[in-house]
């Protein structure tokens, strides 16, 4: 999944085509220079995929516990 990715030390952010901010604009077909932590990737960074996998599993585990507690 190509696009702009940013890690803030705790969470990952993803923007597929552009990032518009007060002081800069990053675009898929324009400026892709790394800015303010945003970086263009042709494929998702490995760290993002691991973070996403771990967070999805944490949410699934939370839902499972919640469902068991309500029954």
N, C-alpha and C. Protein backbone atom coordinates (compact mmCIF):
# COMPACT_ATOMS: atom_id res chain seq x y z
N UNK A 1 0.84 -1.16 0.00
CA UNK A 1 0.00 0.00 0.00
C UNK A 1 0.90 1.24 0.00
N UNK A 2 1.11 1.80 -1.16
CA UNK A 2 1.97 2.97 -1.23
C UNK A 2 1.32 4.18 -0.58
N UNK A 3 2.14 5.08 -0.11
CA UNK A 3 1.61 6.30 0.48
C UNK A 3 2.58 6.92 1.46
N UNK A 4 2.10 7.94 2.15
CA UNK A 4 2.88 8.62 3.17
C UNK A 4 2.60 7.99 4.52
N UNK A 5 3.65 7.73 5.27
CA UNK A 5 3.53 7.15 6.61
C UNK A 5 4.28 8.03 7.59
N UNK A 6 3.76 8.08 8.82
CA UNK A 6 4.41 8.85 9.87
C UNK A 6 4.24 8.12 11.19
N UNK A 7 5.33 8.00 11.94
CA UNK A 7 5.29 7.41 13.28
C UNK A 7 5.63 8.50 14.27
N UNK A 8 4.76 8.72 15.26
CA UNK A 8 4.98 9.80 16.23
C UNK A 8 5.58 9.32 17.54
N UNK A 9 6.08 8.10 17.55
CA UNK A 9 6.66 7.54 18.77
C UNK A 9 5.71 6.59 19.47
N UNK A 10 4.42 6.68 19.13
CA UNK A 10 3.41 5.82 19.72
C UNK A 10 2.46 5.24 18.68
N UNK A 11 2.06 6.06 17.73
CA UNK A 11 1.09 5.65 16.70
C UNK A 11 1.63 5.91 15.30
N UNK A 12 1.12 5.12 14.36
CA UNK A 12 1.42 5.32 12.95
C UNK A 12 0.25 6.02 12.29
N UNK A 13 0.56 6.87 11.31
CA UNK A 13 -0.45 7.56 10.52
C UNK A 13 -0.17 7.27 9.05
N UNK A 14 -1.24 7.20 8.26
CA UNK A 14 -1.12 6.85 6.85
C UNK A 14 -1.96 7.81 6.02
N UNK A 15 -1.39 8.30 4.94
CA UNK A 15 -2.10 9.15 3.99
C UNK A 15 -1.77 8.63 2.59
N UNK A 16 -2.76 8.08 1.87
CA UNK A 16 -2.46 7.43 0.59
C UNK A 16 -1.99 8.37 -0.52
N UNK A 17 -2.49 9.59 -0.58
CA UNK A 17 -2.19 10.44 -1.73
C UNK A 17 -1.57 11.79 -1.40
N UNK A 18 -1.88 12.35 -0.24
CA UNK A 18 -1.37 13.68 0.08
C UNK A 18 -1.41 13.96 1.57
N UNK A 19 -0.60 14.95 1.97
CA UNK A 19 -0.60 15.48 3.33
C UNK A 19 -0.61 17.00 3.18
N UNK A 20 -1.65 17.63 3.67
CA UNK A 20 -1.73 19.10 3.64
C UNK A 20 -1.58 19.61 5.06
N UNK A 21 -0.59 20.45 5.28
CA UNK A 21 -0.35 21.05 6.59
C UNK A 21 -0.16 22.55 6.40
N UNK A 22 -0.14 23.25 7.51
CA UNK A 22 0.00 24.70 7.47
C UNK A 22 1.26 25.14 6.72
N UNK A 23 2.37 24.43 6.96
CA UNK A 23 3.66 24.87 6.42
C UNK A 23 4.18 24.06 5.24
N UNK A 24 3.45 23.05 4.80
CA UNK A 24 3.94 22.23 3.68
C UNK A 24 2.81 21.42 3.05
N UNK A 25 3.07 20.97 1.84
CA UNK A 25 2.16 20.09 1.12
C UNK A 25 2.99 18.95 0.55
N UNK A 26 2.55 17.72 0.81
CA UNK A 26 3.18 16.53 0.23
C UNK A 26 2.14 15.87 -0.66
N UNK A 27 2.54 15.48 -1.86
CA UNK A 27 1.59 14.87 -2.79
C UNK A 27 2.23 13.69 -3.50
N UNK A 28 1.40 12.70 -3.76
CA UNK A 28 1.86 11.49 -4.45
C UNK A 28 2.54 11.84 -5.77
N UNK A 29 1.94 12.72 -6.54
CA UNK A 29 2.48 13.08 -7.85
C UNK A 29 3.28 14.38 -7.83
N UNK A 30 3.66 14.83 -6.63
CA UNK A 30 4.42 16.08 -6.52
C UNK A 30 5.55 15.93 -5.54
N UNK A 31 5.56 16.77 -4.53
CA UNK A 31 6.61 16.77 -3.51
C UNK A 31 6.47 15.55 -2.60
N UNK A 32 7.50 14.70 -2.58
CA UNK A 32 7.52 13.53 -1.70
C UNK A 32 8.66 13.61 -0.69
N UNK A 33 9.27 14.76 -0.59
CA UNK A 33 10.41 14.92 0.32
C UNK A 33 9.97 14.70 1.76
N UNK A 34 10.75 13.92 2.52
CA UNK A 34 10.41 13.64 3.91
C UNK A 34 10.30 14.96 4.69
N UNK A 35 9.14 15.15 5.33
CA UNK A 35 8.86 16.40 6.04
C UNK A 35 8.07 16.11 7.30
N UNK A 36 8.51 16.66 8.41
CA UNK A 36 7.77 16.57 9.68
C UNK A 36 7.41 15.13 10.05
N UNK A 37 8.29 14.21 9.72
CA UNK A 37 8.06 12.80 10.05
C UNK A 37 7.31 12.02 8.99
N UNK A 38 6.69 12.70 8.03
CA UNK A 38 6.00 12.02 6.94
C UNK A 38 7.02 11.58 5.91
N UNK A 39 6.91 10.33 5.47
CA UNK A 39 7.84 9.78 4.49
C UNK A 39 7.06 8.94 3.49
N UNK A 40 7.41 9.06 2.21
CA UNK A 40 6.75 8.28 1.16
C UNK A 40 7.34 6.88 1.11
N UNK A 41 6.47 5.87 1.01
CA UNK A 41 6.89 4.47 0.85
C UNK A 41 6.11 3.85 -0.30
N UNK A 42 6.82 3.10 -1.15
CA UNK A 42 6.14 2.36 -2.22
C UNK A 42 5.42 1.14 -1.67
N UNK A 43 5.92 0.61 -0.57
CA UNK A 43 5.25 -0.47 0.17
C UNK A 43 5.29 -0.10 1.65
N UNK A 44 4.34 -0.57 2.44
CA UNK A 44 4.32 -0.18 3.86
C UNK A 44 5.60 -0.58 4.57
N UNK A 45 6.09 0.29 5.46
CA UNK A 45 7.28 -0.07 6.24
C UNK A 45 6.98 -1.25 7.16
N UNK A 46 7.95 -2.11 7.34
CA UNK A 46 7.79 -3.30 8.17
C UNK A 46 7.30 -2.95 9.58
N UNK A 47 7.84 -1.88 10.14
CA UNK A 47 7.45 -1.47 11.50
C UNK A 47 5.96 -1.13 11.57
N UNK A 48 5.44 -0.51 10.51
CA UNK A 48 4.01 -0.19 10.45
C UNK A 48 3.18 -1.47 10.43
N UNK A 49 3.58 -2.43 9.62
CA UNK A 49 2.83 -3.69 9.51
C UNK A 49 2.80 -4.43 10.84
N UNK A 50 3.91 -4.45 11.55
CA UNK A 50 3.97 -5.10 12.87
C UNK A 50 3.08 -4.36 13.85
N UNK A 51 3.16 -3.03 13.87
CA UNK A 51 2.33 -2.21 14.76
C UNK A 51 0.85 -2.45 14.47
N UNK A 52 0.48 -2.46 13.20
CA UNK A 52 -0.92 -2.66 12.81
C UNK A 52 -1.41 -4.04 13.24
N UNK A 53 -0.61 -5.06 13.00
CA UNK A 53 -0.97 -6.42 13.40
C UNK A 53 -1.19 -6.50 14.91
N UNK A 54 -0.26 -5.94 15.67
CA UNK A 54 -0.38 -5.98 17.13
C UNK A 54 -1.60 -5.22 17.63
N UNK A 55 -1.90 -4.08 17.04
CA UNK A 55 -3.06 -3.29 17.46
C UNK A 55 -4.37 -3.96 17.08
N UNK A 56 -4.44 -4.58 15.92
CA UNK A 56 -5.66 -5.28 15.52
C UNK A 56 -5.91 -6.45 16.45
N UNK A 57 -4.86 -7.17 16.84
CA UNK A 57 -5.03 -8.29 17.76
C UNK A 57 -5.43 -7.81 19.14
N UNK A 58 -4.92 -6.68 19.58
CA UNK A 58 -5.30 -6.13 20.88
C UNK A 58 -6.78 -5.78 20.89
N UNK A 59 -7.28 -5.20 19.81
CA UNK A 59 -8.70 -4.85 19.72
C UNK A 59 -9.54 -6.11 19.73
N UNK A 60 -9.13 -7.13 18.98
CA UNK A 60 -9.88 -8.39 18.96
C UNK A 60 -9.90 -9.02 20.35
N UNK A 61 -8.78 -8.99 21.05
CA UNK A 61 -8.73 -9.55 22.40
C UNK A 61 -9.63 -8.77 23.34
N UNK A 62 -9.66 -7.46 23.24
CA UNK A 62 -10.53 -6.63 24.08
C UNK A 62 -12.00 -6.97 23.82
N UNK A 63 -12.37 -7.15 22.56
CA UNK A 63 -13.76 -7.47 22.22
C UNK A 63 -14.15 -8.84 22.76
N UNK A 64 -13.22 -9.78 22.68
CA UNK A 64 -13.49 -11.12 23.19
C UNK A 64 -13.74 -11.08 24.69
N UNK A 65 -12.91 -10.39 25.42
CA UNK A 65 -13.08 -10.29 26.86
C UNK A 65 -14.39 -9.60 27.18
N UNK A 66 -14.71 -8.53 26.48
CA UNK A 66 -15.95 -7.79 26.72
C UNK A 66 -17.16 -8.69 26.47
N UNK A 67 -17.12 -9.46 25.39
CA UNK A 67 -18.24 -10.36 25.08
C UNK A 67 -18.40 -11.44 26.15
N UNK A 68 -17.29 -11.96 26.64
CA UNK A 68 -17.36 -13.00 27.67
C UNK A 68 -17.91 -12.42 28.96
N UNK A 69 -17.54 -11.17 29.27
CA UNK A 69 -18.00 -10.56 30.51
C UNK A 69 -19.49 -10.26 30.50
N UNK A 70 -20.07 -10.02 29.33
CA UNK A 70 -21.49 -9.67 29.26
C UNK A 70 -22.40 -10.89 29.23
N UNK A 71 -21.84 -12.06 29.02
CA UNK A 71 -22.67 -13.28 28.95
C UNK A 71 -22.85 -13.91 30.31
